[in-house]
Amino acid sequence: MEETTSRVRRPRADARRNRERLLAAADEIFRAGGADAPLEHVARLAGVGVGTLYGHFPTRRALIAALLAERSEDLFEYGDRLLDGPVTADTVSEWVRAVVEHAATYRGLAAVLVDSMDDDRSELHASCLRMNGIGEELVDRAGRSVALRPDATTNDVFTLINAAAWTREHAGPDQADRLIALALNGLRASTDLA
């Protein structure tokens, strides 16, 4: 009996070039017009038809997931490094600031991420779960080490992240940092106040 081996074909060179051009164009368009900018503009800037765009990225979330893939992995590695050490209120603060910066990569991205958290069909769902899982563990460990108030919850921290990402988009990074500092100072255990 002849044994067959399945080969995974690499995309053709022109398909790889189109994909890279689409990603570069999407990054430029989304930075200028936000995560909800028209995808037709992305295709036009990349020099391809809309059909080619949808052939590579069947949904807006698939395109955003591809754009964020490397940034997301960097964020997860950072979260894992934070989890490797002792978790304090400052550790939670570092994670909140990193996630807020990530969620504000494009205007409107925070809302897309929030929507994807509860949509298991979204191409961003797994990344959102992982991001939240790291946050949950950090908050849990900070709470057990009495770094945070006993009534501080993971939802408090996630609400802060969403509010700070929105604030960063609309009022700038300085105002977002101020909001984070004020809110986290309120979540610190009284013995952990600086």
Protein backbone atom coordinates (compact mmCIF):
# COMPACT_ATOMS: atom_id res chain seq x y z
CA MET A 1 0.00 0.00 0.00
CA GLU A 2 1.43 3.35 -1.02
CA GLU A 3 1.78 5.86 1.76
CA THR A 4 0.78 9.41 0.93
CA THR A 5 2.07 12.41 2.77
CA SER A 6 0.12 15.58 2.93
CA ARG A 7 2.09 18.65 2.10
CA VAL A 8 1.22 22.06 3.32
CA ARG A 9 1.62 24.41 0.43
CA ARG A 10 3.11 27.78 1.02
CA PRO A 11 1.07 30.63 -0.37
CA ARG A 12 2.25 31.88 -3.72
CA ALA A 13 4.67 34.78 -3.66
CA ASP A 14 2.08 37.21 -5.01
CA ALA A 15 -0.43 36.10 -2.36
CA ARG A 16 2.19 36.65 0.37
CA ARG A 17 2.98 40.10 -1.04
CA ASN A 18 -0.72 40.98 -1.18
CA ARG A 19 -1.19 39.90 2.42
CA GLU A 20 1.76 41.99 3.59
CA ARG A 21 0.55 45.01 1.59
CA LEU A 22 -2.94 44.61 3.06
CA LEU A 23 -1.56 44.49 6.60
CA ALA A 24 0.62 47.57 6.04
CA ALA A 25 -2.30 49.44 4.47
CA ALA A 26 -4.69 48.43 7.25
CA ASP A 27 -2.26 49.63 9.90
CA GLU A 28 -1.97 53.00 8.16
CA ILE A 29 -5.73 53.35 7.56
CA PHE A 30 -6.69 52.24 11.08
CA ARG A 31 -4.13 54.57 12.69
CA ALA A 32 -5.60 57.48 10.73
CA GLY A 33 -9.30 56.58 10.81
CA GLY A 34 -9.76 54.09 13.62
CA ALA A 35 -10.58 50.39 13.72
CA ASP A 36 -13.90 50.98 11.98
CA ALA A 37 -12.40 52.75 8.94
CA PRO A 38 -13.80 51.51 5.59
CA LEU A 39 -12.10 48.32 4.43
CA GLU A 40 -12.41 49.55 0.85
CA HIS A 41 -9.80 52.19 1.75
CA VAL A 42 -7.48 49.44 2.96
CA ALA A 43 -7.83 47.52 -0.31
CA ARG A 44 -7.33 50.67 -2.37
CA LEU A 45 -4.18 51.70 -0.47
CA ALA A 46 -2.81 48.15 -0.82
CA GLY A 47 -3.47 48.26 -4.57
CA VAL A 48 -5.78 45.23 -4.56
CA GLY A 49 -9.48 44.63 -4.97
CA VAL A 50 -11.87 44.21 -2.06
CA GLY A 51 -12.27 40.54 -3.05
CA THR A 52 -8.55 40.01 -2.47
CA LEU A 53 -8.84 41.65 0.94
CA TYR A 54 -11.74 39.39 1.94
CA GLY A 55 -9.92 36.38 0.50
CA HIS A 56 -7.13 36.97 3.01
CA PHE A 57 -9.23 38.38 5.85
CA PRO A 58 -12.89 37.33 5.69
CA THR A 59 -13.91 39.72 8.49
CA ARG A 60 -12.76 43.01 9.97
CA ARG A 61 -11.90 41.13 13.18
CA ALA A 62 -9.73 38.68 11.22
CA LEU A 63 -7.80 41.62 9.78
CA ILE A 64 -7.45 43.24 13.21
CA ALA A 65 -6.36 39.91 14.73
CA ALA A 66 -3.63 39.58 12.09
CA LEU A 67 -2.50 43.17 12.71
CA LEU A 68 -2.36 42.61 16.46
CA ALA A 69 -0.83 39.11 16.43
CA GLU A 70 2.74 40.17 17.16
CA ARG A 71 1.71 42.91 19.61
CA SER A 72 -0.58 40.46 21.41
CA GLU A 73 2.20 37.89 21.79
CA ASP A 74 4.50 40.57 23.19
CA LEU A 75 1.77 41.56 25.66
CA PHE A 76 1.22 37.94 26.73
CA GLU A 77 4.96 37.42 27.25
CA TYR A 78 5.03 40.55 29.38
CA GLY A 79 2.08 39.28 31.42
CA ASP A 80 3.79 35.92 31.91
CA ARG A 81 6.93 37.70 33.16
CA LEU A 82 4.81 39.68 35.63
CA LEU A 83 3.27 36.43 36.86
CA ASP A 84 6.73 34.89 37.36
CA GLY A 85 7.49 37.32 40.18
CA PRO A 86 5.75 38.52 43.31
CA VAL A 87 2.45 40.23 42.49
CA THR A 88 1.84 43.58 44.13
CA ALA A 89 -0.50 46.47 43.44
CA ASP A 90 2.30 47.94 41.30
CA THR A 91 2.39 44.73 39.24
CA VAL A 92 -1.34 45.06 38.59
CA SER A 93 -0.76 48.70 37.65
CA GLU A 94 1.93 47.71 35.14
CA TRP A 95 -0.43 45.17 33.55
CA VAL A 96 -3.30 47.67 33.37
CA ARG A 97 -1.09 50.24 31.66
CA ALA A 98 0.22 47.68 29.16
CA VAL A 99 -3.28 46.46 28.26
CA VAL A 100 -4.58 50.02 27.94
CA GLU A 101 -1.74 50.91 25.59
CA HIS A 102 -2.48 47.75 23.56
CA ALA A 103 -6.23 48.43 23.44
CA ALA A 104 -5.61 51.99 22.25
CA THR A 105 -3.46 50.95 19.27
CA TYR A 106 -6.32 52.11 17.03
CA ARG A 107 -9.22 54.36 17.93
CA GLY A 108 -12.22 52.13 18.57
CA LEU A 109 -10.14 49.00 19.16
CA ALA A 110 -11.09 48.77 22.84
CA ALA A 111 -14.75 48.38 21.87
CA VAL A 112 -13.88 45.68 19.32
CA LEU A 113 -11.91 43.78 21.98
CA VAL A 114 -14.74 44.05 24.53
CA ASP A 115 -17.24 42.74 21.95
CA SER A 116 -14.90 39.90 21.01
CA MET A 117 -14.57 38.74 24.60
CA ASP A 118 -18.10 37.34 24.56
CA ASP A 119 -18.11 36.21 20.91
CA ASP A 120 -16.45 32.81 20.57
CA ARG A 121 -16.70 33.12 16.77
CA SER A 122 -14.49 36.21 16.75
CA GLU A 123 -10.92 35.80 15.57
CA LEU A 124 -9.96 37.96 18.57
CA HIS A 125 -11.78 35.84 21.15
CA ALA A 126 -8.85 33.60 22.13
CA SER A 127 -6.53 36.59 22.55
CA CYS A 128 -9.12 38.37 24.69
CA LEU A 129 -9.50 35.29 26.88
CA ARG A 130 -5.75 35.01 27.34
CA MET A 131 -5.42 38.73 28.13
CA ASN A 132 -8.21 38.48 30.68
CA GLY A 133 -6.80 35.26 32.13
CA ILE A 134 -3.50 36.97 32.88
CA GLY A 135 -5.36 39.90 34.42
CA GLU A 136 -7.53 37.62 36.55
CA GLU A 137 -4.52 35.78 37.92
CA LEU A 138 -2.68 39.01 38.70
CA VAL A 139 -5.68 40.48 40.52
CA ASP A 140 -6.30 37.22 42.40
CA ARG A 141 -2.68 36.96 43.53
CA ALA A 142 -2.55 40.66 44.48
CA GLY A 143 -5.71 40.21 46.50
CA ARG A 144 -4.36 37.14 48.30
CA SER A 145 -1.14 38.98 49.13
CA VAL A 146 -3.25 41.78 50.60
CA ALA A 147 -1.91 44.27 48.04
CA LEU A 148 -5.45 45.15 46.98
CA ARG A 149 -8.50 45.87 49.08
CA PRO A 150 -10.44 42.71 50.00
CA ASP A 151 -13.48 43.93 48.05
CA ALA A 152 -11.47 44.70 44.86
CA THR A 153 -12.56 42.45 42.00
CA THR A 154 -11.26 41.47 38.62
CA ASN A 155 -14.28 43.25 37.12
CA ASP A 156 -13.14 46.48 38.80
CA VAL A 157 -9.79 46.18 37.05
CA PHE A 158 -11.35 45.26 33.68
CA THR A 159 -13.73 48.22 33.95
CA LEU A 160 -10.74 50.45 34.66
CA ILE A 161 -8.91 49.08 31.62
CA ASN A 162 -11.88 49.78 29.35
CA ALA A 163 -12.41 53.27 30.78
CA ALA A 164 -8.73 54.12 30.53
CA ALA A 165 -8.49 52.84 26.95
CA TRP A 166 -11.48 55.00 25.99
CA THR A 167 -9.94 57.96 27.84
CA ARG A 168 -6.61 57.44 26.09
CA GLU A 169 -8.37 57.49 22.70
CA HIS A 170 -10.40 60.60 23.43
CA ALA A 171 -8.46 62.64 26.01
CA GLY A 172 -4.89 61.45 25.53
CA PRO A 173 -2.39 59.25 27.35
CA ASP A 174 -1.74 61.71 30.19
CA GLN A 175 -5.40 61.76 31.22
CA ALA A 176 -5.59 57.96 30.91
CA ASP A 177 -2.53 57.59 33.16
CA ARG A 178 -4.12 59.93 35.71
CA LEU A 179 -7.33 57.88 35.69
CA ILE A 180 -5.36 54.65 36.16
CA ALA A 181 -3.35 56.10 39.07
CA LEU A 182 -6.44 57.45 40.84
CA ALA A 183 -8.45 54.26 40.41
CA LEU A 184 -5.62 51.91 41.41
CA ASN A 185 -4.84 54.02 44.47
CA GLY A 186 -8.46 53.48 45.46
CA LEU A 187 -8.10 49.70 44.96
CA ARG A 188 -4.91 49.38 47.00
CA ALA A 189 -5.11 47.90 50.46
CA SER A 190 -4.70 50.64 53.06
CA THR A 191 -1.38 49.12 54.18
CA ASP A 192 -0.13 49.31 50.57
CA LEU A 193 -0.72 53.04 50.09
CA ALA A 194 2.37 54.96 49.11
